[in-house]
């Protein structure tokens, strides 16, 4: 990710309530490369699964028995935290398709 790569994509997924933000390391990745988009999609998936294992009661209290509801929402939030230009590259490189596969 051109300008974003020096940063940690704090997936700046702003978590609700008292839960911590979910963080996704995007350092060194270029969204213009298919392999890097796949790496980021995998990192987002892993981070959302781990975050939701601990905090899903905060995000999806009515769906506690369905962890995929929380994970899907956190993946969505992470995706929308990418700058628009990086999101377009991520989509073109197949990252969004991979992210939706989980």
PDB file of N, CA and C in Angstrom:
ATOM      1  N   UNK A   1       0.865  -1.150   0.000  1.00  0.00           N
ATOM      2  CA  UNK A   1       0.000   0.000   0.000  1.00  0.00           C
ATOM      3  C   UNK A   1       0.904   1.202   0.000  1.00  0.00           C
ATOM      4  N   UNK A   2       0.899   1.833  -1.032  1.00  0.00           N
ATOM      5  CA  UNK A   2       1.801   2.948  -1.240  1.00  0.00           C
ATOM      6  C   UNK A   2       2.015   3.780   0.011  1.00  0.00           C
ATOM      7  N   UNK A   3       1.206   4.777   0.265  1.00  0.00           N
ATOM      8  CA  UNK A   3       1.407   5.648   1.403  1.00  0.00           C
ATOM      9  C   UNK A   3       1.017   5.030   2.723  1.00  0.00           C
ATOM     10  N   UNK A   4       0.180   4.038   2.693  1.00  0.00           N
ATOM     11  CA  UNK A   4      -0.332   3.454   3.926  1.00  0.00           C
ATOM     12  C   UNK A   4       0.599   2.400   4.498  1.00  0.00           C
ATOM     13  N   UNK A   5       1.490   1.882   3.701  1.00  0.00           N
ATOM     14  CA  UNK A   5       2.274   0.755   4.137  1.00  0.00           C
ATOM     15  C   UNK A   5       3.161   1.025   5.341  1.00  0.00           C
ATOM     16  N   UNK A   6       3.580   2.248   5.534  1.00  0.00           N
ATOM     17  CA  UNK A   6       4.390   2.534   6.703  1.00  0.00           C
ATOM     18  C   UNK A   6       3.570   2.490   7.973  1.00  0.00           C
ATOM     19  N   UNK A   7       2.278   2.444   7.827  1.00  0.00           N
ATOM     20  CA  UNK A   7       1.393   2.454   8.982  1.00  0.00           C
ATOM     21  C   UNK A   7       0.878   1.066   9.283  1.00  0.00           C
ATOM     22  N   UNK A   8       0.408   0.908  10.467  1.00  0.00           N
ATOM     23  CA  UNK A   8      -0.321  -0.302  10.788  1.00  0.00           C
ATOM     24  C   UNK A   8      -1.757   0.030  10.464  1.00  0.00           C
ATOM     25  N   UNK A   9      -2.378  -0.798   9.681  1.00  0.00           N
ATOM     26  CA  UNK A   9      -3.788  -0.574   9.376  1.00  0.00           C
ATOM     27  C   UNK A   9      -4.491  -0.882  10.677  1.00  0.00           C
ATOM     28  N   UNK A  10      -4.658   0.141  11.475  1.00  0.00           N
ATOM     29  CA  UNK A  10      -5.277  -0.055  12.777  1.00  0.00           C
ATOM     30  C   UNK A  10      -6.646  -0.565  12.473  1.00  0.00           C
ATOM     31  N   UNK A  11      -6.709  -1.134  11.297  1.00  0.00           N
ATOM     32  CA  UNK A  11      -7.957  -1.574  10.732  1.00  0.00           C
ATOM     33  C   UNK A  11      -8.873  -0.625  11.396  1.00  0.00           C
ATOM     34  N   UNK A  12      -8.192   0.378  11.807  1.00  0.00           N
ATOM     35  CA  UNK A  12      -8.684   1.362  12.733  1.00  0.00           C
ATOM     36  C   UNK A  12     -10.123   1.067  12.923  1.00  0.00           C
ATOM     37  N   UNK A  13     -10.323  -0.185  12.986  1.00  0.00           N
ATOM     38  CA  UNK A  13     -11.659  -0.664  13.203  1.00  0.00           C
ATOM     39  C   UNK A  13     -12.001  -0.212  14.593  1.00  0.00           C
ATOM     40  N   UNK A  14     -12.719   0.853  14.632  1.00  0.00           N
ATOM     41  CA  UNK A  14     -13.093   1.406  15.912  1.00  0.00           C
ATOM     42  C   UNK A  14     -14.091   0.467  16.557  1.00  0.00           C
ATOM     43  N   UNK A  15     -13.636  -0.129  17.598  1.00  0.00           N
ATOM     44  CA  UNK A  15     -14.473  -1.084  18.296  1.00  0.00           C
ATOM     45  C   UNK A  15     -15.509  -0.354  19.147  1.00  0.00           C
ATOM     46  N   UNK A  16     -16.660  -0.947  19.277  1.00  0.00           N
ATOM     47  CA  UNK A  16     -17.710  -0.331  20.086  1.00  0.00           C
ATOM     48  C   UNK A  16     -17.429  -0.484  21.577  1.00  0.00           C
ATOM     49  N   UNK A  17     -18.061   0.337  22.349  1.00  0.00           N
ATOM     50  CA  UNK A  17     -17.988   0.204  23.799  1.00  0.00           C
ATOM     51  C   UNK A  17     -16.572   0.234  24.331  1.00  0.00           C
ATOM     52  N   UNK A  18     -16.296  -0.641  25.275  1.00  0.00           N
ATOM     53  CA  UNK A  18     -14.989  -0.675  25.917  1.00  0.00           C
ATOM     54  C   UNK A  18     -14.017  -1.639  25.274  1.00  0.00           C
ATOM     55  N   UNK A  19     -14.371  -2.249  24.174  1.00  0.00           N
ATOM     56  CA  UNK A  19     -13.479  -3.211  23.528  1.00  0.00           C
ATOM     57  C   UNK A  19     -12.351  -2.479  22.814  1.00  0.00           C
ATOM     58  N   UNK A  20     -11.167  -3.082  22.785  1.00  0.00           N
ATOM     59  CA  UNK A  20     -10.044  -2.454  22.079  1.00  0.00           C
ATOM     60  C   UNK A  20     -10.241  -2.499  20.564  1.00  0.00           C
ATOM     61  N   UNK A  21      -9.576  -1.584  19.873  1.00  0.00           N
ATOM     62  CA  UNK A  21      -9.608  -1.597  18.417  1.00  0.00           C
ATOM     63  C   UNK A  21      -8.940  -2.864  17.905  1.00  0.00           C
ATOM     64  N   UNK A  22      -9.382  -3.337  16.759  1.00  0.00           N
ATOM     65  CA  UNK A  22      -8.735  -4.463  16.109  1.00  0.00           C
ATOM     66  C   UNK A  22      -7.600  -3.902  15.260  1.00  0.00           C
ATOM     67  N   UNK A  23      -6.450  -4.517  15.317  1.00  0.00           N
ATOM     68  CA  UNK A  23      -5.292  -4.048  14.560  1.00  0.00           C
ATOM     69  C   UNK A  23      -4.871  -5.109  13.547  1.00  0.00           C
ATOM     70  N   UNK A  24      -4.512  -4.627  12.361  1.00  0.00           N
ATOM     71  CA  UNK A  24      -4.061  -5.517  11.289  1.00  0.00           C
ATOM     72  C   UNK A  24      -2.777  -4.920  10.729  1.00  0.00           C
ATOM     73  N   UNK A  25      -1.711  -5.698  10.730  1.00  0.00           N
ATOM     74  CA  UNK A  25      -0.428  -5.231  10.224  1.00  0.00           C
ATOM     75  C   UNK A  25      -0.435  -5.264   8.696  1.00  0.00           C
ATOM     76  N   UNK A  26      -0.270  -4.096   8.096  1.00  0.00           N
ATOM     77  CA  UNK A  26      -0.262  -3.998   6.634  1.00  0.00           C
ATOM     78  C   UNK A  26       1.092  -3.498   6.133  1.00  0.00           C
ATOM     79  N   UNK A  27       2.080  -3.493   7.002  1.00  0.00           N
ATOM     80  CA  UNK A  27       3.399  -2.993   6.614  1.00  0.00           C
ATOM     81  C   UNK A  27       3.992  -3.838   5.495  1.00  0.00           C
ATOM     82  N   UNK A  28       4.574  -3.154   4.544  1.00  0.00           N
ATOM     83  CA  UNK A  28       5.286  -3.833   3.463  1.00  0.00           C
ATOM     84  C   UNK A  28       4.408  -4.415   2.367  1.00  0.00           C
ATOM     85  N   UNK A  29       3.101  -4.233   2.463  1.00  0.00           N
ATOM     86  CA  UNK A  29       2.204  -4.793   1.448  1.00  0.00           C
ATOM     87  C   UNK A  29       1.833  -3.740   0.411  1.00  0.00           C
ATOM     88  N   UNK A  30       1.671  -4.190  -0.819  1.00  0.00           N
ATOM     89  CA  UNK A  30       1.225  -3.310  -1.893  1.00  0.00           C
ATOM     90  C   UNK A  30      -0.081  -3.878  -2.430  1.00  0.00           C
ATOM     91  N   UNK A  31      -1.143  -3.113  -2.326  1.00  0.00           N
ATOM     92  CA  UNK A  31      -2.450  -3.612  -2.740  1.00  0.00           C
ATOM     93  C   UNK A  31      -2.563  -3.799  -4.239  1.00  0.00           C
ATOM     94  N   UNK A  32      -1.604  -3.316  -4.995  1.00  0.00           N
ATOM     95  CA  UNK A  32      -1.598  -3.527  -6.434  1.00  0.00           C
ATOM     96  C   UNK A  32      -1.134  -4.926  -6.813  1.00  0.00           C
ATOM     97  N   UNK A  33      -0.617  -5.666  -5.849  1.00  0.00           N
ATOM     98  CA  UNK A  33      -0.130  -7.031  -6.108  1.00  0.00           C
ATOM     99  C   UNK A  33      -1.111  -8.039  -5.534  1.00  0.00           C
ATOM    100  N   UNK A  34      -1.513  -8.987  -6.362  1.00  0.00           N
ATOM    101  CA  UNK A  34      -2.488  -9.995  -5.960  1.00  0.00           C
ATOM    102  C   UNK A  34      -2.059 -10.733  -4.703  1.00  0.00           C
ATOM    103  N   UNK A  35      -0.820 -11.135  -4.647  1.00  0.00           N
ATOM    104  CA  UNK A  35      -0.332 -11.869  -3.476  1.00  0.00           C
ATOM    105  C   UNK A  35      -0.424 -11.058  -2.203  1.00  0.00           C
ATOM    106  N   UNK A  36      -0.128  -9.769  -2.279  1.00  0.00           N
ATOM    107  CA  UNK A  36      -0.200  -8.914  -1.098  1.00  0.00           C
ATOM    108  C   UNK A  36      -1.641  -8.684  -0.670  1.00  0.00           C
ATOM    109  N   UNK A  37      -2.543  -8.552  -1.630  1.00  0.00           N
ATOM    110  CA  UNK A  37      -3.962  -8.401  -1.292  1.00  0.00           C
ATOM    111  C   UNK A  37      -4.454  -9.665  -0.575  1.00  0.00           C
ATOM    112  N   UNK A  38      -3.989 -10.817  -1.016  1.00  0.00           N
ATOM    113  CA  UNK A  38      -4.366 -12.082  -0.376  1.00  0.00           C
ATOM    114  C   UNK A  38      -3.805 -12.154   1.042  1.00  0.00           C
ATOM    115  N   UNK A  39      -2.581 -11.684   1.213  1.00  0.00           N
ATOM    116  CA  UNK A  39      -1.967 -11.674   2.551  1.00  0.00           C
ATOM    117  C   UNK A  39      -2.780 -10.786   3.479  1.00  0.00           C
ATOM    118  N   UNK A  40      -3.157  -9.591   3.003  1.00  0.00           N
ATOM    119  CA  UNK A  40      -3.939  -8.689   3.844  1.00  0.00           C
ATOM    120  C   UNK A  40      -5.311  -9.286   4.154  1.00  0.00           C
ATOM    121  N   UNK A  41      -5.951  -9.895   3.175  1.00  0.00           N
ATOM    122  CA  UNK A  41      -7.259 -10.525   3.405  1.00  0.00           C
ATOM    123  C   UNK A  41      -7.134 -11.596   4.491  1.00  0.00           C
ATOM    124  N   UNK A  42      -6.075 -12.375   4.434  1.00  0.00           N
ATOM    125  CA  UNK A  42      -5.849 -13.412   5.439  1.00  0.00           C
ATOM    126  C   UNK A  42      -5.595 -12.790   6.813  1.00  0.00           C
ATOM    127  N   UNK A  43      -4.821 -11.719   6.855  1.00  0.00           N
ATOM    128  CA  UNK A  43      -4.543 -11.058   8.137  1.00  0.00           C
ATOM    129  C   UNK A  43      -5.803 -10.460   8.732  1.00  0.00           C
ATOM    130  N   UNK A  44      -6.647  -9.880   7.882  1.00  0.00           N
ATOM    131  CA  UNK A  44      -7.914  -9.318   8.365  1.00  0.00           C
ATOM    132  C   UNK A  44      -8.798 -10.434   8.909  1.00  0.00           C
ATOM    133  N   UNK A  45      -8.860 -11.548   8.202  1.00  0.00           N
ATOM    134  CA  UNK A  45      -9.665 -12.683   8.641  1.00  0.00           C
ATOM    135  C   UNK A  45      -9.181 -13.187   9.996  1.00  0.00           C
ATOM    136  N   UNK A  46      -7.884 -13.359  10.139  1.00  0.00           N
ATOM    137  CA  UNK A  46      -7.318 -13.853  11.400  1.00  0.00           C
ATOM    138  C   UNK A  46      -7.588 -12.877  12.539  1.00  0.00           C
ATOM    139  N   UNK A  47      -7.362 -11.592  12.263  1.00  0.00           N
ATOM    140  CA  UNK A  47      -7.582 -10.574  13.295  1.00  0.00           C
ATOM    141  C   UNK A  47      -9.049 -10.513  13.710  1.00  0.00           C
ATOM    142  N   UNK A  48      -9.964 -10.613  12.742  1.00  0.00           N
ATOM    143  CA  UNK A  48     -11.387 -10.546  13.084  1.00  0.00           C
ATOM    144  C   UNK A  48     -11.810 -11.769  13.889  1.00  0.00           C
ATOM    145  N   UNK A  49     -11.292 -12.932  13.538  1.00  0.00           N
ATOM    146  CA  UNK A  49     -11.620 -14.150  14.289  1.00  0.00           C
ATOM    147  C   UNK A  49     -11.110 -14.042  15.727  1.00  0.00           C
ATOM    148  N   UNK A  50      -9.861 -13.600  15.878  1.00  0.00           N
ATOM    149  CA  UNK A  50      -9.276 -13.472  17.216  1.00  0.00           C
ATOM    150  C   UNK A  50      -9.992 -12.409  18.041  1.00  0.00           C
ATOM    151  N   UNK A  51     -10.279 -11.259  17.405  1.00  0.00           N
ATOM    152  CA  UNK A  51     -10.952 -10.171  18.115  1.00  0.00           C
ATOM    153  C   UNK A  51     -12.333 -10.621  18.582  1.00  0.00           C
ATOM    154  N   UNK A  52     -13.062 -11.250  17.691  1.00  0.00           N
ATOM    155  CA  UNK A  52     -14.430 -11.662  18.014  1.00  0.00           C
ATOM    156  C   UNK A  52     -14.466 -12.779  19.054  1.00  0.00           C
ATOM    157  N   UNK A  53     -13.444 -13.602  19.108  1.00  0.00           N
ATOM    158  CA  UNK A  53     -13.396 -14.656  20.120  1.00  0.00           C
ATOM    159  C   UNK A  53     -13.417 -14.051  21.522  1.00  0.00           C
ATOM    160  N   UNK A  54     -12.873 -12.865  21.655  1.00  0.00           N
ATOM    161  CA  UNK A  54     -12.814 -12.206  22.962  1.00  0.00           C
ATOM    162  C   UNK A  54     -13.892 -11.153  23.174  1.00  0.00           C
ATOM    163  N   UNK A  55     -14.326 -10.488  22.115  1.00  0.00           N
ATOM    164  CA  UNK A  55     -15.158  -9.292  22.285  1.00  0.00           C
ATOM    165  C   UNK A  55     -16.503  -9.312  21.562  1.00  0.00           C
ATOM    166  N   UNK A  56     -16.931 -10.427  21.012  1.00  0.00           N
ATOM    167  CA  UNK A  56     -18.142 -10.392  20.202  1.00  0.00           C
ATOM    168  C   UNK A  56     -19.389 -10.010  20.991  1.00  0.00           C
ATOM    169  N   UNK A  57     -19.378 -10.213  22.298  1.00  0.00           N
ATOM    170  CA  UNK A  57     -20.538  -9.819  23.104  1.00  0.00           C
ATOM    171  C   UNK A  57     -20.754  -8.307  23.049  1.00  0.00           C
ATOM    172  N   UNK A  58     -19.673  -7.563  22.812  1.00  0.00           N
ATOM    173  CA  UNK A  58     -19.771  -6.108  22.724  1.00  0.00           C
ATOM    174  C   UNK A  58     -20.349  -5.686  21.373  1.00  0.00           C
ATOM    175  N   UNK A  59     -19.920  -6.360  20.305  1.00  0.00           N
ATOM    176  CA  UNK A  59     -20.319  -5.969  18.956  1.00  0.00           C
ATOM    177  C   UNK A  59     -21.657  -6.566  18.533  1.00  0.00           C
ATOM    178  N   UNK A  60     -21.851  -7.834  18.820  1.00  0.00           N
ATOM    179  CA  UNK A  60     -23.062  -8.522  18.364  1.00  0.00           C
ATOM    180  C   UNK A  60     -23.728  -9.268  19.530  1.00  0.00           C
ATOM    181  N   UNK A  61     -24.220  -8.537  20.527  1.00  0.00           N
ATOM    182  CA  UNK A  61     -24.781  -9.187  21.721  1.00  0.00           C
ATOM    183  C   UNK A  61     -25.983 -10.090  21.428  1.00  0.00           C
ATOM    184  N   UNK A  62     -26.731  -9.814  20.389  1.00  0.00           N
ATOM    185  CA  UNK A  62     -27.894 -10.653  20.090  1.00  0.00           C
ATOM    186  C   UNK A  62     -27.534 -11.871  19.243  1.00  0.00           C
ATOM    187  N   UNK A  63     -26.282 -11.970  18.833  1.00  0.00           N
ATOM    188  CA  UNK A  63     -25.840 -13.103  18.003  1.00  0.00           C
ATOM    189  C   UNK A  63     -24.642 -13.820  18.621  1.00  0.00           C
ATOM    190  N   UNK A  64     -24.642 -13.991  19.933  1.00  0.00           N
ATOM    191  CA  UNK A  64     -23.498 -14.598  20.614  1.00  0.00           C
ATOM    192  C   UNK A  64     -23.173 -15.996  20.112  1.00  0.00           C
ATOM    193  N   UNK A  65     -24.175 -16.739  19.728  1.00  0.00           N
ATOM    194  CA  UNK A  65     -23.948 -18.096  19.255  1.00  0.00           C
ATOM    195  C   UNK A  65     -23.477 -18.168  17.808  1.00  0.00           C
ATOM    196  N   UNK A  66     -23.379 -17.016  17.154  1.00  0.00           N
ATOM    197  CA  UNK A  66     -22.995 -16.972  15.750  1.00  0.00           C
ATOM    198  C   UNK A  66     -21.746 -16.109  15.579  1.00  0.00           C
ATOM    199  N   UNK A  67     -20.567 -16.654  15.832  1.00  0.00           N
ATOM    200  CA  UNK A  67     -19.349 -15.844  15.729  1.00  0.00           C
ATOM    201  C   UNK A  67     -19.140 -15.256  14.341  1.00  0.00           C
ATOM    202  N   UNK A  68     -19.663 -15.899  13.306  1.00  0.00           N
ATOM    203  CA  UNK A  68     -19.464 -15.391  11.940  1.00  0.00           C
ATOM    204  C   UNK A  68     -20.113 -14.026  11.739  1.00  0.00           C
ATOM    205  N   UNK A  69     -21.147 -13.705  12.509  1.00  0.00           N
ATOM    206  CA  UNK A  69     -21.791 -12.395  12.391  1.00  0.00           C
ATOM    207  C   UNK A  69     -20.807 -11.313  12.815  1.00  0.00           C
ATOM    208  N   UNK A  70     -20.159 -11.505  13.952  1.00  0.00           N
ATOM    209  CA  UNK A  70     -19.159 -10.555  14.440  1.00  0.00           C
ATOM    210  C   UNK A  70     -17.974 -10.485  13.482  1.00  0.00           C
ATOM    211  N   UNK A  71     -17.483 -11.639  13.055  1.00  0.00           N
ATOM    212  CA  UNK A  71     -16.310 -11.679  12.172  1.00  0.00           C
ATOM    213  C   UNK A  71     -16.582 -10.967  10.854  1.00  0.00           C
ATOM    214  N   UNK A  72     -17.752 -11.185  10.301  1.00  0.00           N
ATOM    215  CA  UNK A  72     -18.111 -10.524   9.040  1.00  0.00           C
ATOM    216  C   UNK A  72     -18.145  -9.001   9.215  1.00  0.00           C
ATOM    217  N   UNK A  73     -18.704  -8.541  10.340  1.00  0.00           N
ATOM    218  CA  UNK A  73     -18.775  -7.104  10.597  1.00  0.00           C
ATOM    219  C   UNK A  73     -17.377  -6.505  10.791  1.00  0.00           C
ATOM    220  N   UNK A  74     -16.505  -7.193  11.483  1.00  0.00           N
ATOM    221  CA  UNK A  74     -15.156  -6.672  11.690  1.00  0.00           C
ATOM    222  C   UNK A  74     -14.371  -6.669  10.377  1.00  0.00           C
ATOM    223  N   UNK A  75     -14.572  -7.672   9.531  1.00  0.00           N
ATOM    224  CA  UNK A  75     -13.922  -7.667   8.210  1.00  0.00           C
ATOM    225  C   UNK A  75     -14.418  -6.489   7.388  1.00  0.00           C
ATOM    226  N   UNK A  76     -15.715  -6.232   7.447  1.00  0.00           N
ATOM    227  CA  UNK A  76     -16.293  -5.102   6.716  1.00  0.00           C
ATOM    228  C   UNK A  76     -15.686  -3.788   7.207  1.00  0.00           C
ATOM    229  N   UNK A  77     -15.598  -3.638   8.509  1.00  0.00           N
ATOM    230  CA  UNK A  77     -15.034  -2.412   9.072  1.00  0.00           C
ATOM    231  C   UNK A  77     -13.571  -2.239   8.672  1.00  0.00           C
ATOM    232  N   UNK A  78     -12.818  -3.309   8.705  1.00  0.00           N
ATOM    233  CA  UNK A  78     -11.402  -3.233   8.321  1.00  0.00           C
ATOM    234  C   UNK A  78     -11.273  -2.812   6.861  1.00  0.00           C
ATOM    235  N   UNK A  79     -12.083  -3.406   6.000  1.00  0.00           N
ATOM    236  CA  UNK A  79     -12.061  -3.071   4.575  1.00  0.00           C
ATOM    237  C   UNK A  79     -12.325  -1.585   4.373  1.00  0.00           C
ATOM    238  N   UNK A  80     -13.316  -1.043   5.059  1.00  0.00           N
ATOM    239  CA  UNK A  80     -13.665   0.359   4.862  1.00  0.00           C
ATOM    240  C   UNK A  80     -12.689   1.320   5.540  1.00  0.00           C
ATOM    241  N   UNK A  81     -11.762   0.810   6.334  1.00  0.00           N
ATOM    242  CA  UNK A  81     -10.733   1.670   6.898  1.00  0.00           C
ATOM    243  C   UNK A  81      -9.581   1.887   5.922  1.00  0.00           C
ATOM    244  N   UNK A  82      -9.509   1.078   4.884  1.00  0.00           N
ATOM    245  CA  UNK A  82      -8.502   1.311   3.843  1.00  0.00           C
ATOM    246  C   UNK A  82      -8.834   2.618   3.129  1.00  0.00           C
ATOM    247  N   UNK A  83      -7.836   3.402   2.800  1.00  0.00           N
ATOM    248  CA  UNK A  83      -8.101   4.597   1.985  1.00  0.00           C
ATOM    249  C   UNK A  83      -8.749   4.161   0.663  1.00  0.00           C
ATOM    250  N   UNK A  84      -9.606   5.001   0.115  1.00  0.00           N
ATOM    251  CA  UNK A  84     -10.366   4.646  -1.095  1.00  0.00           C
ATOM    252  C   UNK A  84      -9.477   4.146  -2.226  1.00  0.00           C
ATOM    253  N   UNK A  85      -8.345   4.792  -2.439  1.00  0.00           N
ATOM    254  CA  UNK A  85      -7.460   4.367  -3.533  1.00  0.00           C
ATOM    255  C   UNK A  85      -6.902   2.963  -3.272  1.00  0.00           C
ATOM    256  N   UNK A  86      -6.608   2.659  -2.015  1.00  0.00           N
ATOM    257  CA  UNK A  86      -6.095   1.334  -1.663  1.00  0.00           C
ATOM    258  C   UNK A  86      -7.199   0.290  -1.737  1.00  0.00           C
ATOM    259  N   UNK A  87      -8.421   0.690  -1.377  1.00  0.00           N
ATOM    260  CA  UNK A  87      -9.565  -0.232  -1.500  1.00  0.00           C
ATOM    261  C   UNK A  87      -9.763  -0.652  -2.936  1.00  0.00           C
ATOM    262  N   UNK A  88      -9.675   0.322  -3.860  1.00  0.00           N
ATOM    263  CA  UNK A  88      -9.843  -0.007  -5.288  1.00  0.00           C
ATOM    264  C   UNK A  88      -8.774  -1.001  -5.740  1.00  0.00           C
ATOM    265  N   UNK A  89      -7.536  -0.768  -5.340  1.00  0.00           N
ATOM    266  CA  UNK A  89      -6.460  -1.691  -5.696  1.00  0.00           C
ATOM    267  C   UNK A  89      -6.677  -3.064  -5.072  1.00  0.00           C
ATOM    268  N   UNK A  90      -7.115  -3.079  -3.831  1.00  0.00           N
ATOM    269  CA  UNK A  90      -7.393  -4.322  -3.109  1.00  0.00           C
ATOM    270  C   UNK A  90      -8.453  -5.137  -3.849  1.00  0.00           C
ATOM    271  N   UNK A  91      -9.513  -4.460  -4.301  1.00  0.00           N
ATOM    272  CA  UNK A  91     -10.584  -5.128  -5.035  1.00  0.00           C
ATOM    273  C   UNK A  91     -10.062  -5.652  -6.373  1.00  0.00           C
ATOM    274  N   UNK A  92      -9.319  -4.803  -7.117  1.00  0.00           N
ATOM    275  CA  UNK A  92      -8.784  -5.213  -8.424  1.00  0.00           C
ATOM    276  C   UNK A  92      -7.853  -6.417  -8.301  1.00  0.00           C
ATOM    277  N   UNK A  93      -7.129  -6.500  -7.177  1.00  0.00           N
ATOM    278  CA  UNK A  93      -6.183  -7.600  -6.969  1.00  0.00           C
ATOM    279  C   UNK A  93      -6.859  -8.840  -6.390  1.00  0.00           C
ATOM    280  N   UNK A  94      -8.182  -8.777  -6.199  1.00  0.00           N
ATOM    281  CA  UNK A  94      -8.920  -9.948  -5.722  1.00  0.00           C
ATOM    282  C   UNK A  94      -9.050 -10.056  -4.219  1.00  0.00           C
ATOM    283  N   UNK A  95      -8.581  -9.068  -3.495  1.00  0.00           N
ATOM    284  CA  UNK A  95      -8.619  -9.126  -2.035  1.00  0.00           C
ATOM    285  C   UNK A  95     -10.025  -9.148  -1.456  1.00  0.00           C
ATOM    286  N   UNK A  96     -10.918  -8.368  -2.026  1.00  0.00           N
ATOM    287  CA  UNK A  96     -12.290  -8.336  -1.501  1.00  0.00           C
ATOM    288  C   UNK A  96     -12.968  -9.683  -1.702  1.00  0.00           C
ATOM    289  N   UNK A  97     -12.752 -10.293  -2.850  1.00  0.00           N
ATOM    290  CA  UNK A  97     -13.325 -11.619  -3.119  1.00  0.00           C
ATOM    291  C   UNK A  97     -12.826 -12.618  -2.089  1.00  0.00           C
ATOM    292  N   UNK A  98     -11.518 -12.584  -1.811  1.00  0.00           N
ATOM    293  CA  UNK A  98     -10.940 -13.493  -0.824  1.00  0.00           C
ATOM    294  C   UNK A  98     -11.492 -13.221   0.563  1.00  0.00           C
ATOM    295  N   UNK A  99     -11.640 -11.956   0.892  1.00  0.00           N
ATOM    296  CA  UNK A  99     -12.158 -11.586   2.209  1.00  0.00           C
ATOM    297  C   UNK A  99     -13.598 -12.072   2.379  1.00  0.00           C
ATOM    298  N   UNK A 100     -14.384 -11.991   1.336  1.00  0.00           N
ATOM    299  CA  UNK A 100     -15.769 -12.440   1.404  1.00  0.00           C
ATOM    300  C   UNK A 100     -15.892 -13.967   1.436  1.00  0.00           C
ATOM    301  N   UNK A 101     -14.842 -14.646   1.026  1.00  0.00           N
ATOM    302  CA  UNK A 101     -14.846 -16.109   0.993  1.00  0.00           C
ATOM    303  C   UNK A 101     -14.865 -16.697   2.407  1.00  0.00           C
ATOM    304  N   UNK A 102     -14.297 -15.986   3.348  1.00  0.00           N
ATOM    305  CA  UNK A 102     -14.187 -16.510   4.717  1.00  0.00           C
ATOM    306  C   UNK A 102     -15.516 -16.579   5.384  1.00  0.00           C
TER     307      UNK A 102
END
